[in-house]
Amino acid sequence: MIDAEQARAEGIPQACRHATRQADARWQDMENMLLGGAPIDRTGGEIEASLFAQRRKAGKVRS
């Protein structure tokens, strides 16, 4: 993004757009790499519900 800011300061709109597109692509690649490598736990709600039921059965939760 520094390149885009520098091109904008120099008054070169085409270079600014190009640098902005490159920065966006790098950001997207990094985001995909980070999110792709981290498995998403899709059972979080079920686990919370079962823990709540256990606590309620044990008398630790008032409803």
C-alpha atoms as a PDB file:
ATOM      1  CA  MET A   1       0.000   0.000   0.000  1.00  0.00           C
ATOM      2  CA  ILE A   2       2.985   2.272   0.483  1.00  0.00           C
ATOM      3  CA  ASP A   3       3.623   2.194  -3.270  1.00  0.00           C
ATOM      4  CA  ALA A   4       0.043   3.330  -3.941  1.00  0.00           C
ATOM      5  CA  GLU A   5       0.322   6.190  -1.467  1.00  0.00           C
ATOM      6  CA  GLN A   6       3.619   7.259  -2.995  1.00  0.00           C
ATOM      7  CA  ALA A   7       2.184   7.175  -6.538  1.00  0.00           C
ATOM      8  CA  ARG A   8      -0.836   9.170  -5.369  1.00  0.00           C
ATOM      9  CA  ALA A   9       1.443  11.758  -3.764  1.00  0.00           C
ATOM     10  CA  GLU A  10       3.412  12.014  -7.012  1.00  0.00           C
ATOM     11  CA  GLY A  11       0.181  12.522  -8.959  1.00  0.00           C
ATOM     12  CA  ILE A  12       0.412   9.403 -11.130  1.00  0.00           C
ATOM     13  CA  PRO A  13      -3.108   7.934 -11.099  1.00  0.00           C
ATOM     14  CA  GLN A  14      -2.331   4.909 -13.319  1.00  0.00           C
ATOM     15  CA  ALA A  15       0.585   3.855 -11.101  1.00  0.00           C
ATOM     16  CA  CYS A  16      -1.597   4.382  -8.042  1.00  0.00           C
ATOM     17  CA  ARG A  17      -4.329   2.116  -9.429  1.00  0.00           C
ATOM     18  CA  HIS A  18      -1.780  -0.520 -10.397  1.00  0.00           C
ATOM     19  CA  ALA A  19      -0.128  -0.480  -6.965  1.00  0.00           C
ATOM     20  CA  THR A  20      -3.524  -0.604  -5.261  1.00  0.00           C
ATOM     21  CA  ARG A  21      -4.538  -3.671  -7.303  1.00  0.00           C
ATOM     22  CA  GLN A  22      -1.274  -5.382  -6.406  1.00  0.00           C
ATOM     23  CA  ALA A  23      -1.711  -4.606  -2.712  1.00  0.00           C
ATOM     24  CA  ASP A  24      -5.296  -5.917  -2.808  1.00  0.00           C
ATOM     25  CA  ALA A  25      -4.152  -9.129  -4.515  1.00  0.00           C
ATOM     26  CA  ARG A  26      -1.410  -9.642  -1.918  1.00  0.00           C
ATOM     27  CA  TRP A  27      -3.900  -9.043   0.886  1.00  0.00           C
ATOM     28  CA  GLN A  28      -6.360 -11.521  -0.649  1.00  0.00           C
ATOM     29  CA  ASP A  29      -3.611 -14.143  -1.030  1.00  0.00           C
ATOM     30  CA  MET A  30      -2.574 -13.710   2.588  1.00  0.00           C
ATOM     31  CA  GLU A  31      -6.173 -13.907   3.783  1.00  0.00           C
ATOM     32  CA  ASN A  32      -6.825 -17.068   1.761  1.00  0.00           C
ATOM     33  CA  MET A  33      -3.642 -18.664   3.067  1.00  0.00           C
ATOM     34  CA  LEU A  34      -4.478 -17.882   6.694  1.00  0.00           C
ATOM     35  CA  LEU A  35      -8.139 -18.847   6.518  1.00  0.00           C
ATOM     36  CA  GLY A  36      -7.491 -21.875   4.335  1.00  0.00           C
ATOM     37  CA  GLY A  37      -4.989 -23.298   6.790  1.00  0.00           C
ATOM     38  CA  ALA A  38      -7.213 -22.850   9.831  1.00  0.00           C
ATOM     39  CA  PRO A  39     -10.022 -25.389  10.033  1.00  0.00           C
ATOM     40  CA  ILE A  40     -13.330 -23.867  11.028  1.00  0.00           C
ATOM     41  CA  ASP A  41     -15.133 -25.623  13.847  1.00  0.00           C
ATOM     42  CA  ARG A  42     -18.701 -25.941  12.669  1.00  0.00           C
ATOM     43  CA  THR A  43     -19.882 -27.837  15.752  1.00  0.00           C
ATOM     44  CA  GLY A  44     -19.436 -24.947  18.192  1.00  0.00           C
ATOM     45  CA  GLY A  45     -23.166 -24.466  18.760  1.00  0.00           C
ATOM     46  CA  GLU A  46     -23.777 -28.144  19.354  1.00  0.00           C
ATOM     47  CA  ILE A  47     -20.946 -28.341  21.866  1.00  0.00           C
ATOM     48  CA  GLU A  48     -22.222 -25.273  23.716  1.00  0.00           C
ATOM     49  CA  ALA A  49     -25.734 -26.690  23.798  1.00  0.00           C
ATOM     50  CA  SER A  50     -24.569 -30.010  25.207  1.00  0.00           C
ATOM     51  CA  LEU A  51     -22.412 -28.271  27.837  1.00  0.00           C
ATOM     52  CA  PHE A  52     -25.381 -26.101  28.814  1.00  0.00           C
ATOM     53  CA  ALA A  53     -27.581 -29.200  29.118  1.00  0.00           C
ATOM     54  CA  GLN A  54     -24.994 -30.894  31.327  1.00  0.00           C
ATOM     55  CA  ARG A  55     -24.682 -27.843  33.577  1.00  0.00           C
ATOM     56  CA  ARG A  56     -28.463 -27.520  33.766  1.00  0.00           C
ATOM     57  CA  LYS A  57     -28.825 -31.201  34.703  1.00  0.00           C
ATOM     58  CA  ALA A  58     -26.189 -30.733  37.412  1.00  0.00           C
ATOM     59  CA  GLY A  59     -28.189 -27.801  38.811  1.00  0.00           C
ATOM     60  CA  LYS A  60     -25.578 -25.192  38.023  1.00  0.00           C
ATOM     61  CA  VAL A  61     -27.819 -23.200  35.693  1.00  0.00           C
ATOM     62  CA  ARG A  62     -31.065 -21.516  36.649  1.00  0.00           C
ATOM     63  CA  SER A  63     -33.635 -21.190  33.916  1.00  0.00           C
END
